[in-house]
Protein backbone atom coordinates (compact mmCIF):
# COMPACT_ATOMS: atom_id res chain seq x y z
CA MET A 1 0.03 -0.05 0.03
CA THR A 2 1.19 3.34 -0.59
CA MET A 3 0.66 6.82 0.88
CA ASP A 4 -1.95 8.08 -1.21
CA ALA A 5 -5.21 10.14 -1.06
CA THR A 6 -7.80 7.10 -0.66
CA ALA A 7 -4.90 5.52 2.04
CA MET A 8 -5.06 8.76 4.21
CA SER A 9 -8.62 9.46 4.03
CA LYS A 10 -9.47 6.38 5.95
CA ILE A 11 -7.44 7.01 8.59
CA ASP A 12 -8.59 7.14 12.27
CA LEU A 13 -7.39 10.17 13.69
CA PRO A 14 -8.07 9.34 17.49
CA ALA A 15 -6.57 6.10 16.63
CA LEU A 16 -3.47 7.59 14.97
CA ILE A 17 -3.02 10.12 18.32
CA ASP A 18 -3.05 7.32 20.40
CA ALA A 19 -0.55 5.06 18.59
CA VAL A 20 1.62 7.77 18.60
CA ALA A 21 1.50 8.83 21.85
CA ASP A 22 1.02 4.56 23.09
CA THR A 23 4.61 4.56 21.44
CA ILE A 24 6.35 7.39 22.98
CA SER A 25 5.49 6.38 26.08
CA GLU A 26 6.36 2.99 25.59
CA HIS A 27 9.88 4.29 24.70
CA ALA A 28 9.86 7.20 26.77
CA ASP A 29 12.72 5.55 29.28
CA GLU A 30 14.56 4.65 26.07
CA LEU A 31 14.22 7.86 25.08
CA THR A 32 15.37 9.34 28.16
CA ALA A 33 18.72 7.39 28.32
CA LEU A 34 20.10 8.28 24.92
CA ASP A 35 19.25 12.04 26.00
CA GLN A 36 21.12 11.35 29.35
CA ALA A 37 24.04 9.88 27.30
CA ILE A 38 24.25 13.26 25.22
CA GLY A 39 21.64 15.62 26.39
CA ASP A 40 20.04 16.71 29.05
CA GLY A 41 18.57 13.50 29.76
CA ASP A 42 14.69 14.79 29.41
CA HIS A 43 13.72 14.31 25.81
CA GLY A 44 11.61 11.19 27.08
CA LEU A 45 9.73 12.91 29.95
CA ASN A 46 9.10 15.71 27.79
CA MET A 47 7.96 13.91 24.43
CA LYS A 48 5.67 11.30 26.59
CA ARG A 49 4.26 15.03 27.73
CA GLY A 50 3.50 16.56 24.93
CA PHE A 51 1.98 13.70 23.53
CA GLU A 52 -0.51 12.86 26.12
CA ALA A 53 -1.54 16.33 26.02
CA VAL A 54 -2.06 15.78 22.28
CA ARG A 55 -4.22 12.63 23.21
CA ALA A 56 -6.24 14.87 25.99
CA GLU A 57 -7.65 16.77 23.22
CA SER A 58 -8.20 13.84 20.93
CA ALA A 59 -11.78 13.67 20.89
CA ALA A 60 -11.85 17.51 20.45
CA LEU A 61 -9.80 17.11 16.81
CA ALA A 62 -11.61 14.04 15.64
CA GLY A 63 -13.93 14.94 12.71
CA GLN A 64 -11.64 17.59 11.43
CA PRO A 65 -9.85 17.99 8.36
CA LEU A 66 -6.21 16.65 8.43
CA PRO A 67 -4.97 19.74 8.19
CA GLU A 68 -5.96 21.25 11.29
CA VAL A 69 -5.51 18.39 13.16
CA LEU A 70 -1.75 18.81 12.44
CA ARG A 71 -1.80 22.30 12.98
CA ALA A 72 -3.35 21.91 16.77
CA ILE A 73 -1.04 19.13 17.11
CA GLY A 74 1.96 21.08 16.76
CA THR A 75 0.60 23.91 18.57
CA LYS A 76 -0.35 21.62 21.57
CA LEU A 77 3.78 19.98 21.63
CA VAL A 78 5.05 23.48 21.37
CA MET A 79 3.19 24.46 24.23
CA THR A 80 3.77 21.17 26.40
CA VAL A 81 7.06 19.46 25.13
CA GLY A 82 9.76 22.04 26.26
CA GLY A 83 13.06 22.37 25.61
CA ALA A 84 14.69 22.40 21.96
CA SER A 85 12.07 19.67 20.88
CA GLY A 86 8.98 21.28 21.48
CA PRO A 87 9.51 24.15 18.88
CA LEU A 88 11.06 21.82 16.23
CA PHE A 89 8.24 18.59 16.41
CA GLY A 90 5.69 21.50 17.06
CA THR A 91 7.24 23.54 13.67
CA LEU A 92 7.23 19.89 12.16
CA PHE A 93 3.28 19.45 12.34
CA MET A 94 2.55 22.65 12.18
CA SER A 95 3.98 23.02 8.88
CA ILE A 96 2.65 19.94 7.39
CA GLY A 97 -0.43 20.98 8.12
CA LYS A 98 -0.09 24.24 7.07
CA GLU A 99 1.01 22.58 3.37
CA LEU A 100 -1.64 19.69 2.77
CA PRO A 101 -4.62 19.69 1.19
CA THR A 102 -7.63 18.10 2.95
CA GLU A 103 -7.64 15.34 1.14
CA PRO A 104 -3.79 14.83 -0.08
CA SER A 105 -2.42 13.06 -2.67
CA ARG A 106 1.02 10.92 -1.88
CA ALA A 107 3.08 14.33 -4.14
CA ASP A 108 1.18 16.44 -2.06
CA LEU A 109 2.40 14.80 1.45
CA ALA A 110 5.98 14.43 0.13
CA ALA A 111 5.63 17.78 -1.17
CA ALA A 112 4.36 18.95 2.30
CA LEU A 113 7.01 17.21 4.14
CA ALA A 114 9.82 18.68 2.28
CA LYS A 115 8.38 22.30 3.14
CA ALA A 116 8.00 21.38 6.74
CA ILE A 117 11.56 19.79 7.17
CA SER A 118 13.24 23.24 5.48
CA ALA A 119 11.11 24.90 8.71
CA VAL A 120 12.73 22.52 10.90
CA ALA A 121 15.61 23.26 9.60
CA ALA A 122 15.69 26.87 9.46
CA ARG A 123 14.17 26.88 13.17
CA GLY A 124 17.29 24.80 14.31
CA LYS A 125 19.51 26.05 12.03
CA SER A 126 20.63 22.84 11.16
CA GLN A 127 21.27 20.24 8.45
CA ALA A 128 21.80 16.68 7.70
CA GLY A 129 24.45 15.17 8.89
CA GLN A 130 24.63 17.11 12.31
CA LYS A 131 23.13 13.84 14.68
CA THR A 132 19.53 15.49 14.52
CA MET A 133 16.16 14.57 13.79
CA LEU A 134 16.72 16.10 10.37
CA ASP A 135 18.88 12.52 9.91
CA VAL A 136 15.82 10.44 9.87
CA LEU A 137 13.11 13.31 8.15
CA TYR A 138 15.15 13.97 4.92
CA PRO A 139 15.17 9.84 3.95
CA VAL A 140 11.95 9.65 5.27
CA GLN A 141 10.32 12.56 3.07
CA ALA A 142 12.52 11.02 -0.07
CA ALA A 143 10.79 7.27 0.91
CA VAL A 144 7.77 9.03 0.79
CA ALA A 145 8.34 11.00 -2.12
CA ALA A 146 9.37 7.66 -4.17
CA GLY A 147 6.29 5.56 -2.95
CA LYS A 148 7.35 3.36 -0.62
CA SER A 149 4.84 1.60 1.20
CA PRO A 150 4.26 2.73 4.96
CA GLY A 151 6.36 0.16 6.42
CA ASP A 152 9.11 0.63 4.18
CA VAL A 153 9.43 4.37 4.87
CA ALA A 154 9.09 3.27 8.82
CA ASP A 155 12.01 0.59 7.95
CA VAL A 156 14.06 3.61 6.43
CA ALA A 157 13.26 5.89 9.49
CA ASP A 158 14.49 3.07 11.76
CA GLY A 159 17.35 2.58 9.90
CA ALA A 160 18.48 6.66 9.32
CA ALA A 161 17.75 7.02 13.43
CA GLU A 162 20.71 3.90 13.72
CA ALA A 163 22.64 5.34 11.21
CA THR A 164 23.29 8.75 13.70
CA LYS A 165 25.25 6.33 16.11
CA PRO A 166 28.54 7.37 14.47
CA LEU A 167 27.73 10.78 13.64
CA LYS A 168 29.71 13.57 15.63
CA ALA A 169 27.12 16.07 16.75
CA ILE A 170 27.23 19.52 15.40
CA ARG A 171 24.30 21.45 16.78
CA GLY A 172 22.07 21.35 19.81
CA ARG A 173 23.11 20.17 23.68
CA ALA A 174 24.89 16.74 22.03
CA SER A 175 27.14 19.36 20.00
CA PHE A 176 29.18 20.30 23.26
CA LEU A 177 30.36 16.88 23.83
CA GLY A 178 32.16 17.12 20.58
CA ASP A 179 33.80 13.86 19.74
CA ARG A 180 32.01 12.20 23.12
CA SER A 181 28.87 12.52 20.89
CA ILE A 182 29.82 9.89 18.53
CA GLY A 183 28.54 6.19 19.36
CA HIS A 184 25.10 7.36 20.57
CA VAL A 185 21.72 7.10 18.83
CA ASP A 186 20.15 10.62 18.66
CA PRO A 187 17.02 11.37 20.45
CA GLY A 188 15.20 13.27 18.41
CA ALA A 189 16.13 11.30 15.70
CA ARG A 190 14.89 8.07 17.71
CA SER A 191 12.01 9.59 18.66
CA SER A 192 11.16 10.65 15.00
CA ALA A 193 11.58 7.56 13.86
CA LEU A 194 9.03 6.03 16.69
CA ILE A 195 6.29 8.51 15.22
CA VAL A 196 7.15 7.18 11.84
CA ARG A 197 6.67 3.72 12.45
CA ALA A 198 3.32 4.26 14.91
CA VAL A 199 1.81 6.47 11.83
CA ALA A 200 2.76 3.53 9.44
CA LYS A 201 1.16 1.23 11.47
CA VAL A 202 -2.02 2.48 11.66
CA MET A 203 -1.37 3.63 7.68
CA GLU A 204 -1.11 -0.27 7.20
CA HIS A 205 -4.53 -1.29 9.48
CA SER A 206 -6.48 1.78 7.67
CA ALA A 207 -5.61 -0.24 4.42
């Protein structure tokens, strides 16, 4: 199954929100451990808090157009996640929502992702190869643009997150560690991959 308008129109948005919130919650300790190695150690807790806040709004968001839901999710993440991750993940969701039409095609999604990733890069003053969430987002966008199935896109995300392990952090808190940041998966990249995997599973079940 590819990510086309028909598949996306069938998605149960409350189920999608639950899936992402559940995944982040289940992996909160892992994300915390990753962040303890090269950051402030609060990434798991912050992400869990943010997506639980989104989950609390799930009923209110049900029935709204996809772009509006994504913008609302982004706004809530900015307000509740905190740290550097809140503005970055918030920008990602808000920008995708801003760019997507109500019934997007795969090409629409790929284009919206590209613009949203550019917005995240500008917000974080970072680029690919600097050991950030961008190292997952760029390959994911390319996979969507190439028409890969949701499961294949999730595999790309997982592989891209793991590929941050040998990188030296250039941006963010981890950059202060210099060479000591090498050998650790970036927590933002890992949480991005977890979100992609959760979304992919819901899309596959909606087919």
